[in-house]
Amino acid sequence: MISGISIYEILTVTSILFFIGVYGFITRTNLISILISVELMLNASVVNFVIINKYLFPEVLQGVYFSIFIIAVAAAETALAVSIIINLYRQISSVEVKDVETMKY
């Protein structure tokens, strides 16, 4: 237990965060809100890595290393996605998914 909070409570909160991100990814039509939903899912998985590592192997830091790697990949993914979204907005003046689909042809 980490300062009075059990692993089940933490995993419940991160599961709820992950599924909120999944719901947001499926239901949103704005590219920025879809990107935020993906980031929410990644952050929930990062917390899971750290917490599970803390409970299973408290003396090693593999969960922390995986988390740092995921955060670095998420930062690169966010920078690339935001640059693509800005470029799309300059071309079609919209960040809605339905407007982006018209650019396929």
PDB file of N, CA and C in Angstrom:
ATOM      1  N   MET A   1       0.826  -1.178   0.000  1.00  0.00           N
ATOM      2  CA  MET A   1       0.000   0.000   0.000  1.00  0.00           C
ATOM      3  C   MET A   1       0.875   1.248   0.000  1.00  0.00           C
ATOM      4  N   ILE A   2       0.552   2.182  -0.848  1.00  0.00           N
ATOM      5  CA  ILE A   2       1.278   3.437  -0.899  1.00  0.00           C
ATOM      6  C   ILE A   2       0.464   4.473  -0.141  1.00  0.00           C
ATOM      7  N   SER A   3       0.912   4.810   1.026  1.00  0.00           N
ATOM      8  CA  SER A   3       0.292   5.829   1.893  1.00  0.00           C
ATOM      9  C   SER A   3      -1.219   5.668   2.004  1.00  0.00           C
ATOM     10  N   GLY A   4      -1.670   4.469   2.280  1.00  0.00           N
ATOM     11  CA  GLY A   4      -3.081   4.238   2.556  1.00  0.00           C
ATOM     12  C   GLY A   4      -3.956   3.986   1.351  1.00  0.00           C
ATOM     13  N   ILE A   5      -3.404   3.967   0.152  1.00  0.00           N
ATOM     14  CA  ILE A   5      -4.199   3.708  -1.046  1.00  0.00           C
ATOM     15  C   ILE A   5      -3.816   2.328  -1.575  1.00  0.00           C
ATOM     16  N   SER A   6      -4.791   1.469  -1.776  1.00  0.00           N
ATOM     17  CA  SER A   6      -4.477   0.118  -2.236  1.00  0.00           C
ATOM     18  C   SER A   6      -4.290   0.103  -3.751  1.00  0.00           C
ATOM     19  N   ILE A   7      -3.673  -0.972  -4.222  1.00  0.00           N
ATOM     20  CA  ILE A   7      -3.426  -1.117  -5.656  1.00  0.00           C
ATOM     21  C   ILE A   7      -4.737  -1.232  -6.428  1.00  0.00           C
ATOM     22  N   TYR A   8      -5.750  -1.808  -5.806  1.00  0.00           N
ATOM     23  CA  TYR A   8      -7.037  -1.966  -6.480  1.00  0.00           C
ATOM     24  C   TYR A   8      -7.697  -0.611  -6.742  1.00  0.00           C
ATOM     25  N   GLU A   9      -7.558   0.303  -5.808  1.00  0.00           N
ATOM     26  CA  GLU A   9      -8.130   1.632  -6.003  1.00  0.00           C
ATOM     27  C   GLU A   9      -7.413   2.385  -7.112  1.00  0.00           C
ATOM     28  N   ILE A  10      -6.100   2.272  -7.155  1.00  0.00           N
ATOM     29  CA  ILE A  10      -5.331   2.957  -8.189  1.00  0.00           C
ATOM     30  C   ILE A  10      -5.623   2.354  -9.557  1.00  0.00           C
ATOM     31  N   LEU A  11      -5.667   1.033  -9.642  1.00  0.00           N
ATOM     32  CA  LEU A  11      -5.969   0.389 -10.921  1.00  0.00           C
ATOM     33  C   LEU A  11      -7.399   0.679 -11.373  1.00  0.00           C
ATOM     34  N   THR A  12      -8.317   0.840 -10.440  1.00  0.00           N
ATOM     35  CA  THR A  12      -9.682   1.209 -10.802  1.00  0.00           C
ATOM     36  C   THR A  12      -9.713   2.609 -11.406  1.00  0.00           C
ATOM     37  N   VAL A  13      -9.001   3.542 -10.786  1.00  0.00           N
ATOM     38  CA  VAL A  13      -8.970   4.915 -11.306  1.00  0.00           C
ATOM     39  C   VAL A  13      -8.310   4.963 -12.678  1.00  0.00           C
ATOM     40  N   THR A  14      -7.199   4.242 -12.851  1.00  0.00           N
ATOM     41  CA  THR A  14      -6.531   4.269 -14.157  1.00  0.00           C
ATOM     42  C   THR A  14      -7.363   3.547 -15.219  1.00  0.00           C
ATOM     43  N   SER A  15      -8.099   2.524 -14.842  1.00  0.00           N
ATOM     44  CA  SER A  15      -8.996   1.867 -15.806  1.00  0.00           C
ATOM     45  C   SER A  15     -10.108   2.807 -16.239  1.00  0.00           C
ATOM     46  N   ILE A  16     -10.651   3.548 -15.280  1.00  0.00           N
ATOM     47  CA  ILE A  16     -11.690   4.527 -15.621  1.00  0.00           C
ATOM     48  C   ILE A  16     -11.122   5.595 -16.550  1.00  0.00           C
ATOM     49  N   LEU A  17      -9.909   6.087 -16.257  1.00  0.00           N
ATOM     50  CA  LEU A  17      -9.278   7.084 -17.129  1.00  0.00           C
ATOM     51  C   LEU A  17      -9.046   6.534 -18.531  1.00  0.00           C
ATOM     52  N   PHE A  18      -8.594   5.285 -18.599  1.00  0.00           N
ATOM     53  CA  PHE A  18      -8.349   4.684 -19.903  1.00  0.00           C
ATOM     54  C   PHE A  18      -9.637   4.579 -20.721  1.00  0.00           C
ATOM     55  N   PHE A  19     -10.706   4.134 -20.090  1.00  0.00           N
ATOM     56  CA  PHE A  19     -11.948   3.975 -20.832  1.00  0.00           C
ATOM     57  C   PHE A  19     -12.631   5.299 -21.132  1.00  0.00           C
ATOM     58  N   ILE A  20     -12.377   6.319 -20.331  1.00  0.00           N
ATOM     59  CA  ILE A  20     -12.824   7.666 -20.709  1.00  0.00           C
ATOM     60  C   ILE A  20     -12.101   8.107 -21.975  1.00  0.00           C
ATOM     61  N   GLY A  21     -10.804   7.796 -22.060  1.00  0.00           N
ATOM     62  CA  GLY A  21     -10.044   8.108 -23.271  1.00  0.00           C
ATOM     63  C   GLY A  21     -10.546   7.339 -24.477  1.00  0.00           C
ATOM     64  N   VAL A  22     -10.880   6.068 -24.301  1.00  0.00           N
ATOM     65  CA  VAL A  22     -11.425   5.271 -25.402  1.00  0.00           C
ATOM     66  C   VAL A  22     -12.765   5.841 -25.866  1.00  0.00           C
ATOM     67  N   TYR A  23     -13.615   6.174 -24.904  1.00  0.00           N
ATOM     68  CA  TYR A  23     -14.921   6.761 -25.241  1.00  0.00           C
ATOM     69  C   TYR A  23     -14.747   8.088 -25.987  1.00  0.00           C
ATOM     70  N   GLY A  24     -13.829   8.921 -25.516  1.00  0.00           N
ATOM     71  CA  GLY A  24     -13.568  10.185 -26.191  1.00  0.00           C
ATOM     72  C   GLY A  24     -13.013   9.990 -27.586  1.00  0.00           C
ATOM     73  N   PHE A  25     -12.152   8.995 -27.755  1.00  0.00           N
ATOM     74  CA  PHE A  25     -11.579   8.727 -29.074  1.00  0.00           C
ATOM     75  C   PHE A  25     -12.648   8.275 -30.060  1.00  0.00           C
ATOM     76  N   ILE A  26     -13.586   7.472 -29.588  1.00  0.00           N
ATOM     77  CA  ILE A  26     -14.617   6.934 -30.474  1.00  0.00           C
ATOM     78  C   ILE A  26     -15.682   7.975 -30.794  1.00  0.00           C
ATOM     79  N   THR A  27     -16.050   8.812 -29.836  1.00  0.00           N
ATOM     80  CA  THR A  27     -17.204   9.693 -30.020  1.00  0.00           C
ATOM     81  C   THR A  27     -16.867  11.092 -30.518  1.00  0.00           C
ATOM     82  N   ARG A  28     -15.666  11.565 -30.358  1.00  0.00           N
ATOM     83  CA  ARG A  28     -15.340  12.948 -30.727  1.00  0.00           C
ATOM     84  C   ARG A  28     -15.161  13.094 -32.224  1.00  0.00           C
ATOM     85  N   THR A  29     -15.463  14.291 -32.720  1.00  0.00           N
ATOM     86  CA  THR A  29     -15.288  14.582 -34.138  1.00  0.00           C
ATOM     87  C   THR A  29     -14.227  15.646 -34.372  1.00  0.00           C
ATOM     88  N   ASN A  30     -13.693  16.213 -33.317  1.00  0.00           N
ATOM     89  CA  ASN A  30     -12.656  17.220 -33.423  1.00  0.00           C
ATOM     90  C   ASN A  30     -11.299  16.539 -33.277  1.00  0.00           C
ATOM     91  N   LEU A  31     -10.350  16.861 -34.145  1.00  0.00           N
ATOM     92  CA  LEU A  31      -9.049  16.202 -34.111  1.00  0.00           C
ATOM     93  C   LEU A  31      -8.281  16.495 -32.824  1.00  0.00           C
ATOM     94  N   ILE A  32      -8.415  17.701 -32.300  1.00  0.00           N
ATOM     95  CA  ILE A  32      -7.714  18.048 -31.067  1.00  0.00           C
ATOM     96  C   ILE A  32      -8.251  17.230 -29.896  1.00  0.00           C
ATOM     97  N   SER A  33      -9.565  17.077 -29.805  1.00  0.00           N
ATOM     98  CA  SER A  33     -10.125  16.295 -28.695  1.00  0.00           C
ATOM     99  C   SER A  33      -9.802  14.810 -28.850  1.00  0.00           C
ATOM    100  N   ILE A  34      -9.679  14.325 -30.061  1.00  0.00           N
ATOM    101  CA  ILE A  34      -9.227  12.945 -30.269  1.00  0.00           C
ATOM    102  C   ILE A  34      -7.793  12.776 -29.786  1.00  0.00           C
ATOM    103  N   LEU A  35      -6.954  13.760 -30.064  1.00  0.00           N
ATOM    104  CA  LEU A  35      -5.571  13.719 -29.604  1.00  0.00           C
ATOM    105  C   LEU A  35      -5.500  13.747 -28.080  1.00  0.00           C
ATOM    106  N   ILE A  36      -6.330  14.542 -27.446  1.00  0.00           N
ATOM    107  CA  ILE A  36      -6.378  14.584 -25.984  1.00  0.00           C
ATOM    108  C   ILE A  36      -6.820  13.235 -25.427  1.00  0.00           C
ATOM    109  N   SER A  37      -7.757  12.585 -26.089  1.00  0.00           N
ATOM    110  CA  SER A  37      -8.215  11.269 -25.638  1.00  0.00           C
ATOM    111  C   SER A  37      -7.102  10.228 -25.737  1.00  0.00           C
ATOM    112  N   VAL A  38      -6.317  10.286 -26.795  1.00  0.00           N
ATOM    113  CA  VAL A  38      -5.181   9.363 -26.930  1.00  0.00           C
ATOM    114  C   VAL A  38      -4.163   9.614 -25.825  1.00  0.00           C
ATOM    115  N   GLU A  39      -3.923  10.870 -25.520  1.00  0.00           N
ATOM    116  CA  GLU A  39      -2.984  11.193 -24.445  1.00  0.00           C
ATOM    117  C   GLU A  39      -3.501  10.704 -23.094  1.00  0.00           C
ATOM    118  N   LEU A  40      -4.797  10.784 -22.883  1.00  0.00           N
ATOM    119  CA  LEU A  40      -5.381  10.288 -21.638  1.00  0.00           C
ATOM    120  C   LEU A  40      -5.184   8.780 -21.515  1.00  0.00           C
ATOM    121  N   MET A  41      -5.344   8.061 -22.612  1.00  0.00           N
ATOM    122  CA  MET A  41      -5.110   6.614 -22.583  1.00  0.00           C
ATOM    123  C   MET A  41      -3.643   6.291 -22.302  1.00  0.00           C
ATOM    124  N   LEU A  42      -2.736   7.034 -22.918  1.00  0.00           N
ATOM    125  CA  LEU A  42      -1.313   6.793 -22.681  1.00  0.00           C
ATOM    126  C   LEU A  42      -0.924   7.096 -21.237  1.00  0.00           C
ATOM    127  N   ASN A  43      -1.468   8.169 -20.684  1.00  0.00           N
ATOM    128  CA  ASN A  43      -1.144   8.508 -19.297  1.00  0.00           C
ATOM    129  C   ASN A  43      -1.690   7.478 -18.316  1.00  0.00           C
ATOM    130  N   ALA A  44      -2.855   6.921 -18.598  1.00  0.00           N
ATOM    131  CA  ALA A  44      -3.383   5.860 -17.739  1.00  0.00           C
ATOM    132  C   ALA A  44      -2.476   4.639 -17.776  1.00  0.00           C
ATOM    133  N   SER A  45      -1.943   4.306 -18.937  1.00  0.00           N
ATOM    134  CA  SER A  45      -1.037   3.160 -19.020  1.00  0.00           C
ATOM    135  C   SER A  45       0.288   3.444 -18.318  1.00  0.00           C
ATOM    136  N   VAL A  46       0.747   4.690 -18.354  1.00  0.00           N
ATOM    137  CA  VAL A  46       1.975   5.052 -17.644  1.00  0.00           C
ATOM    138  C   VAL A  46       1.806   4.864 -16.144  1.00  0.00           C
ATOM    139  N   VAL A  47       0.695   5.320 -15.614  1.00  0.00           N
ATOM    140  CA  VAL A  47       0.451   5.149 -14.176  1.00  0.00           C
ATOM    141  C   VAL A  47       0.369   3.662 -13.832  1.00  0.00           C
ATOM    142  N   ASN A  48      -0.248   2.865 -14.696  1.00  0.00           N
ATOM    143  CA  ASN A  48      -0.312   1.418 -14.463  1.00  0.00           C
ATOM    144  C   ASN A  48       1.076   0.795 -14.416  1.00  0.00           C
ATOM    145  N   PHE A  49       1.957   1.182 -15.344  1.00  0.00           N
ATOM    146  CA  PHE A  49       3.322   0.652 -15.334  1.00  0.00           C
ATOM    147  C   PHE A  49       4.014   0.956 -14.016  1.00  0.00           C
ATOM    148  N   VAL A  50       3.907   2.182 -13.562  1.00  0.00           N
ATOM    149  CA  VAL A  50       4.611   2.569 -12.336  1.00  0.00           C
ATOM    150  C   VAL A  50       4.029   1.863 -11.121  1.00  0.00           C
ATOM    151  N   ILE A  51       2.718   1.811 -11.014  1.00  0.00           N
ATOM    152  CA  ILE A  51       2.093   1.216  -9.837  1.00  0.00           C
ATOM    153  C   ILE A  51       2.315  -0.293  -9.780  1.00  0.00           C
ATOM    154  N   ILE A  52       2.152  -0.972 -10.896  1.00  0.00           N
ATOM    155  CA  ILE A  52       2.368  -2.426 -10.903  1.00  0.00           C
ATOM    156  C   ILE A  52       3.828  -2.752 -10.612  1.00  0.00           C
ATOM    157  N   ASN A  53       4.750  -1.960 -11.159  1.00  0.00           N
ATOM    158  CA  ASN A  53       6.160  -2.177 -10.857  1.00  0.00           C
ATOM    159  C   ASN A  53       6.451  -1.936  -9.383  1.00  0.00           C
ATOM    160  N   LYS A  54       5.838  -0.933  -8.802  1.00  0.00           N
ATOM    161  CA  LYS A  54       6.062  -0.623  -7.383  1.00  0.00           C
ATOM    162  C   LYS A  54       5.580  -1.764  -6.486  1.00  0.00           C
ATOM    163  N   TYR A  55       4.477  -2.387  -6.845  1.00  0.00           N
ATOM    164  CA  TYR A  55       3.944  -3.465  -6.011  1.00  0.00           C
ATOM    165  C   TYR A  55       4.631  -4.806  -6.253  1.00  0.00           C
ATOM    166  N   LEU A  56       5.015  -5.089  -7.490  1.00  0.00           N
ATOM    167  CA  LEU A  56       5.634  -6.387  -7.771  1.00  0.00           C
ATOM    168  C   LEU A  56       7.125  -6.404  -7.472  1.00  0.00           C
ATOM    169  N   PHE A  57       7.830  -5.393  -7.941  1.00  0.00           N
ATOM    170  CA  PHE A  57       9.284  -5.329  -7.777  1.00  0.00           C
ATOM    171  C   PHE A  57       9.677  -3.934  -7.298  1.00  0.00           C
ATOM    172  N   PRO A  58       9.546  -3.658  -6.013  1.00  0.00           N
ATOM    173  CA  PRO A  58       9.810  -2.296  -5.537  1.00  0.00           C
ATOM    174  C   PRO A  58      11.275  -1.868  -5.619  1.00  0.00           C
ATOM    175  N   GLU A  59      12.192  -2.828  -5.762  1.00  0.00           N
ATOM    176  CA  GLU A  59      13.608  -2.462  -5.775  1.00  0.00           C
ATOM    177  C   GLU A  59      14.139  -2.123  -7.172  1.00  0.00           C
ATOM    178  N   VAL A  60      13.427  -2.476  -8.226  1.00  0.00           N
ATOM    179  CA  VAL A  60      13.870  -2.162  -9.586  1.00  0.00           C
ATOM    180  C   VAL A  60      12.990  -1.073 -10.181  1.00  0.00           C
ATOM    181  N   LEU A  61      13.526  -0.411 -11.182  1.00  0.00           N
ATOM    182  CA  LEU A  61      12.835   0.734 -11.765  1.00  0.00           C
ATOM    183  C   LEU A  61      12.406   0.498 -13.211  1.00  0.00           C
ATOM    184  N   GLN A  62      12.141  -0.740 -13.596  1.00  0.00           N
ATOM    185  CA  GLN A  62      11.773  -1.011 -14.981  1.00  0.00           C
ATOM    186  C   GLN A  62      10.475  -0.334 -15.374  1.00  0.00           C
ATOM    187  N   GLY A  63       9.490  -0.295 -14.486  1.00  0.00           N
ATOM    188  CA  GLY A  63       8.232   0.379 -14.785  1.00  0.00           C
ATOM    189  C   GLY A  63       8.425   1.862 -15.012  1.00  0.00           C
ATOM    190  N   VAL A  64       9.340   2.451 -14.257  1.00  0.00           N
ATOM    191  CA  VAL A  64       9.637   3.870 -14.430  1.00  0.00           C
ATOM    192  C   VAL A  64      10.333   4.103 -15.772  1.00  0.00           C
ATOM    193  N   TYR A  65      11.233   3.208 -16.143  1.00  0.00           N
ATOM    194  CA  TYR A  65      11.907   3.347 -17.432  1.00  0.00           C
ATOM    195  C   TYR A  65      10.922   3.221 -18.596  1.00  0.00           C
ATOM    196  N   PHE A  66      10.026   2.249 -18.505  1.00  0.00           N
ATOM    197  CA  PHE A  66       8.994   2.122 -19.536  1.00  0.00           C
ATOM    198  C   PHE A  66       8.122   3.367 -19.585  1.00  0.00           C
ATOM    199  N   SER A  67       7.819   3.914 -18.435  1.00  0.00           N
ATOM    200  CA  SER A  67       6.978   5.107 -18.381  1.00  0.00           C
ATOM    201  C   SER A  67       7.665   6.306 -19.014  1.00  0.00           C
ATOM    202  N   ILE A  68       8.941   6.477 -18.747  1.00  0.00           N
ATOM    203  CA  ILE A  68       9.683   7.574 -19.364  1.00  0.00           C
ATOM    204  C   ILE A  68       9.727   7.402 -20.871  1.00  0.00           C
ATOM    205  N   PHE A  69       9.903   6.173 -21.343  1.00  0.00           N
ATOM    206  CA  PHE A  69       9.901   5.909 -22.779  1.00  0.00           C
ATOM    207  C   PHE A  69       8.536   6.233 -23.379  1.00  0.00           C
ATOM    208  N   ILE A  70       7.451   5.837 -22.716  1.00  0.00           N
ATOM    209  CA  ILE A  70       6.104   6.120 -23.219  1.00  0.00           C
ATOM    210  C   ILE A  70       5.853   7.625 -23.250  1.00  0.00           C
ATOM    211  N   ILE A  71       6.304   8.343 -22.229  1.00  0.00           N
ATOM    212  CA  ILE A  71       6.129   9.794 -22.206  1.00  0.00           C
ATOM    213  C   ILE A  71       6.893  10.446 -23.347  1.00  0.00           C
ATOM    214  N   ALA A  72       8.101   9.959 -23.641  1.00  0.00           N
ATOM    215  CA  ALA A  72       8.879  10.512 -24.754  1.00  0.00           C
ATOM    216  C   ALA A  72       8.208  10.248 -26.097  1.00  0.00           C
ATOM    217  N   VAL A  73       7.704   9.040 -26.276  1.00  0.00           N
ATOM    218  CA  VAL A  73       6.998   8.712 -27.524  1.00  0.00           C
ATOM    219  C   VAL A  73       5.714   9.528 -27.642  1.00  0.00           C
ATOM    220  N   ALA A  74       5.009   9.709 -26.532  1.00  0.00           N
ATOM    221  CA  ALA A  74       3.780  10.498 -26.548  1.00  0.00           C
ATOM    222  C   ALA A  74       4.063  11.955 -26.880  1.00  0.00           C
ATOM    223  N   ALA A  75       5.173  12.488 -26.385  1.00  0.00           N
ATOM    224  CA  ALA A  75       5.528  13.874 -26.703  1.00  0.00           C
ATOM    225  C   ALA A  75       5.840  14.027 -28.188  1.00  0.00           C
ATOM    226  N   ALA A  76       6.572  13.068 -28.738  1.00  0.00           N
ATOM    227  CA  ALA A  76       6.869  13.120 -30.173  1.00  0.00           C
ATOM    228  C   ALA A  76       5.601  12.956 -31.005  1.00  0.00           C
ATOM    229  N   GLU A  77       4.728  12.056 -30.583  1.00  0.00           N
ATOM    230  CA  GLU A  77       3.466  11.838 -31.285  1.00  0.00           C
ATOM    231  C   GLU A  77       2.587  13.078 -31.231  1.00  0.00           C
ATOM    232  N   THR A  78       2.558  13.733 -30.092  1.00  0.00           N
ATOM    233  CA  THR A  78       1.755  14.943 -29.955  1.00  0.00           C
ATOM    234  C   THR A  78       2.303  16.069 -30.817  1.00  0.00           C
ATOM    235  N   ALA A  79       3.607  16.236 -30.836  1.00  0.00           N
ATOM    236  CA  ALA A  79       4.201  17.289 -31.667  1.00  0.00           C
ATOM    237  C   ALA A  79       3.908  17.051 -33.141  1.00  0.00           C
ATOM    238  N   LEU A  80       4.027  15.816 -33.588  1.00  0.00           N
ATOM    239  CA  LEU A  80       3.738  15.493 -34.978  1.00  0.00           C
ATOM    240  C   LEU A  80       2.260  15.676 -35.298  1.00  0.00           C
ATOM    241  N   ALA A  81       1.386  15.224 -34.411  1.00  0.00           N
ATOM    242  CA  ALA A  81      -0.055  15.347 -34.655  1.00  0.00           C
ATOM    243  C   ALA A  81      -0.495  16.805 -34.668  1.00  0.00           C
ATOM    244  N   VAL A  82       0.026  17.608 -33.757  1.00  0.00           N
ATOM    245  CA  VAL A  82      -0.341  19.025 -33.738  1.00  0.00           C
ATOM    246  C   VAL A  82       0.143  19.727 -34.996  1.00  0.00           C
ATOM    247  N   SER A  83       1.332  19.387 -35.481  1.00  0.00           N
ATOM    248  CA  SER A  83       1.812  20.008 -36.721  1.00  0.00           C
ATOM    249  C   SER A  83       0.954  19.592 -37.913  1.00  0.00           C
ATOM    250  N   ILE A  84       0.504  18.344 -37.945  1.00  0.00           N
ATOM    251  CA  ILE A  84      -0.392  17.907 -39.017  1.00  0.00           C
ATOM    252  C   ILE A  84      -1.735  18.609 -38.921  1.00  0.00           C
ATOM    253  N   ILE A  85      -2.259  18.744 -37.715  1.00  0.00           N
ATOM    254  CA  ILE A  85      -3.540  19.414 -37.525  1.00  0.00           C
ATOM    255  C   ILE A  85      -3.446  20.883 -37.920  1.00  0.00           C
ATOM    256  N   ILE A  86      -2.343  21.551 -37.577  1.00  0.00           N
ATOM    257  CA  ILE A  86      -2.164  22.952 -37.967  1.00  0.00           C
ATOM    258  C   ILE A  86      -2.094  23.075 -39.484  1.00  0.00           C
ATOM    259  N   ASN A  87      -1.390  22.156 -40.132  1.00  0.00           N
ATOM    260  CA  ASN A  87      -1.303  22.178 -41.595  1.00  0.00           C
ATOM    261  C   ASN A  87      -2.671  21.948 -42.227  1.00  0.00           C
ATOM    262  N   LEU A  88      -3.449  21.021 -41.687  1.00  0.00           N
ATOM    263  CA  LEU A  88      -4.805  20.783 -42.196  1.00  0.00           C
ATOM    264  C   LEU A  88      -5.691  22.002 -41.992  1.00  0.00           C
ATOM    265  N   TYR A  89      -5.556  22.651 -40.844  1.00  0.00           N
ATOM    266  CA  TYR A  89      -6.371  23.832 -40.583  1.00  0.00           C
ATOM    267  C   TYR A  89      -6.024  24.960 -41.550  1.00  0.00           C
ATOM    268  N   ARG A  90      -4.773  25.089 -41.883  1.00  0.00           N
ATOM    269  CA  ARG A  90      -4.372  26.128 -42.856  1.00  0.00           C
ATOM    270  C   ARG A  90      -4.931  25.841 -44.244  1.00  0.00           C
ATOM    271  N   GLN A  91      -5.065  24.570 -44.598  1.00  0.00           N
ATOM    272  CA  GLN A  91      -5.544  24.220 -45.925  1.00  0.00           C
ATOM    273  C   GLN A  91      -7.061  24.233 -46.039  1.00  0.00           C
ATOM    274  N   ILE A  92      -7.769  23.711 -45.038  1.00  0.00           N
ATOM    275  CA  ILE A  92      -9.225  23.581 -45.174  1.00  0.00           C
ATOM    276  C   ILE A  92     -10.007  24.365 -44.125  1.00  0.00           C
ATOM    277  N   SER A  93      -9.319  25.084 -43.218  1.00  0.00           N
ATOM    278  CA  SER A  93      -9.939  25.919 -42.181  1.00  0.00           C
ATOM    279  C   SER A  93     -10.901  25.146 -41.283  1.00  0.00           C
ATOM    280  N   SER A  94     -10.564  23.915 -40.996  1.00  0.00           N
ATOM    281  CA  SER A  94     -11.393  23.113 -40.102  1.00  0.00           C
ATOM    282  C   SER A  94     -10.536  22.010 -39.499  1.00  0.00           C
ATOM    283  N   VAL A  95     -10.911  21.603 -38.281  1.00  0.00           N
ATOM    284  CA  VAL A  95     -10.230  20.483 -37.636  1.00  0.00           C
ATOM    285  C   VAL A  95     -11.213  19.358 -37.336  1.00  0.00           C
ATOM    286  N   GLU A  96     -12.320  19.334 -38.039  1.00  0.00           N
ATOM    287  CA  GLU A  96     -13.309  18.272 -37.877  1.00  0.00           C
ATOM    288  C   GLU A  96     -12.906  17.069 -38.731  1.00  0.00           C
ATOM    289  N   VAL A  97     -13.201  15.875 -38.234  1.00  0.00           N
ATOM    290  CA  VAL A  97     -12.806  14.649 -38.919  1.00  0.00           C
ATOM    291  C   VAL A  97     -13.520  14.523 -40.265  1.00  0.00           C
ATOM    292  N   LYS A  98     -14.781  14.899 -40.332  1.00  0.00           N
ATOM    293  CA  LYS A  98     -15.536  14.758 -41.579  1.00  0.00           C
ATOM    294  C   LYS A  98     -14.970  15.654 -42.683  1.00  0.00           C
ATOM    295  N   ASP A  99     -14.387  16.790 -42.324  1.00  0.00           N
ATOM    296  CA  ASP A  99     -13.787  17.669 -43.324  1.00  0.00           C
ATOM    297  C   ASP A  99     -12.435  17.155 -43.792  1.00  0.00           C
ATOM    298  N   VAL A 100     -11.734  16.444 -42.930  1.00  0.00           N
ATOM    299  CA  VAL A 100     -10.439  15.892 -43.294  1.00  0.00           C
ATOM    300  C   VAL A 100     -10.615  14.737 -44.267  1.00  0.00           C
ATOM    301  N   GLU A 101     -11.706  14.011 -44.157  1.00  0.00           N
ATOM    302  CA  GLU A 101     -11.952  12.874 -45.058  1.00  0.00           C
ATOM    303  C   GLU A 101     -12.120  13.327 -46.496  1.00  0.00           C
ATOM    304  N   THR A 102     -12.533  14.565 -46.736  1.00  0.00           N
ATOM    305  CA  THR A 102     -12.708  15.043 -48.110  1.00  0.00           C
ATOM    306  C   THR A 102     -11.375  15.256 -48.798  1.00  0.00           C
ATOM    307  N   MET A 103     -10.287  15.299 -48.063  1.00  0.00           N
ATOM    308  CA  MET A 103      -8.969  15.525 -48.656  1.00  0.00           C
ATOM    309  C   MET A 103      -8.339  14.247 -49.195  1.00  0.00           C
ATOM    310  N   LYS A 104      -9.000  13.111 -49.057  1.00  0.00           N
ATOM    311  CA  LYS A 104      -8.420  11.857 -49.521  1.00  0.00           C
ATOM    312  C   LYS A 104      -8.253  11.818 -51.034  1.00  0.00           C
ATOM    313  N   TYR A 105      -9.138  12.481 -51.764  1.00  0.00           N
ATOM    314  CA  TYR A 105      -9.112  12.352 -53.215  1.00  0.00           C
ATOM    315  C   TYR A 105      -8.599  13.598 -53.880  1.00  0.00           C
TER     316      TYR A 105
END
